[in-house]
Amino acid sequence: MLDSSEELQRILIVEDNTYTLRIVKHTLEQAGYRVSTAVSGEEGLQLINRYGLPHLAVVDLHMPGMSGFEFCNAIHQFSDVPVIMLTAVGAEETIIEGLEKHADDYIVKPFNPPELVVRVQRVLGRMDDYNYTLDSTTQIDDRLLVDFPKRQAHVDGNTVSLTPTETKLLYILVRNAGRIVTTEFLLKRIWPLEHAQEDRLHVHVHRLRRKIEPDKDSPKYIVAERGTGYSFKIL
């Protein structure tokens, strides 16, 4: 399933300018990160489907085909991977849209490579210890397999569709299997633009349990930790 205790933090760069791509890749590799690159949003999604999600993505805005915002929207349909926008677009309204809807940080080109490293460290630091990644298709145990990009769970051989919120919730919990994920962290990562209440989270947990648990009235996977949050157990 998941064992990333010795894994270097992985960063995906999505950038169509080959010169910028080389600089960013070299800068982040020198800082100790494992870097993969894509020259379009479509290629970035292909890499995610093949190798799983990174710990963080650095994304250009204007690219042929899928835009950077469209790429962010696509990956946030099934995960909470943090994003730094790195783009020449410095218009105030675009920066605001990027920070409000798509990204954890926004850097305008030309950029200072040491500053990029500091920004990356700061964004990853906000994730606390919740920085493990998963394969795009993750086998939980003999009865449960989750395909995150397709937003599907395969339960006892049956395919169950998951909503974007359910998929993101499950991603966070499975990514941290065996550890308590606080309610506060879940609310911030699932609804970053809203002041969501615990009751809203409880509803989605209940619906997700109905889809994947052997017995929804006695959950074994998604376990409530009284007064703290939830943890995901492996049967």
Foldseek 3Di string as FASTA:
>chain_A
DFDCPPPFAEEEEAAQDVVVVVLLCVLVVVVPHHYDYHPHLVVVVVCCLAFNDTLEYEYEADHPDDGRQNSQVLVLLQALRAYEYEYQDDDPVVLVCCVQPGHVYYHHPPDDSVVVVVVVVVVSVVCPPQRATDRCWADLDPAWIARRSQQWIQGNNRIDHHGSLLNHVVRSQVSQAPDFDFPVSSCCRSPVNDPDDVVVVVVSVLVSLVVHAPDSVDRDAWAADPPGGTHGYRD
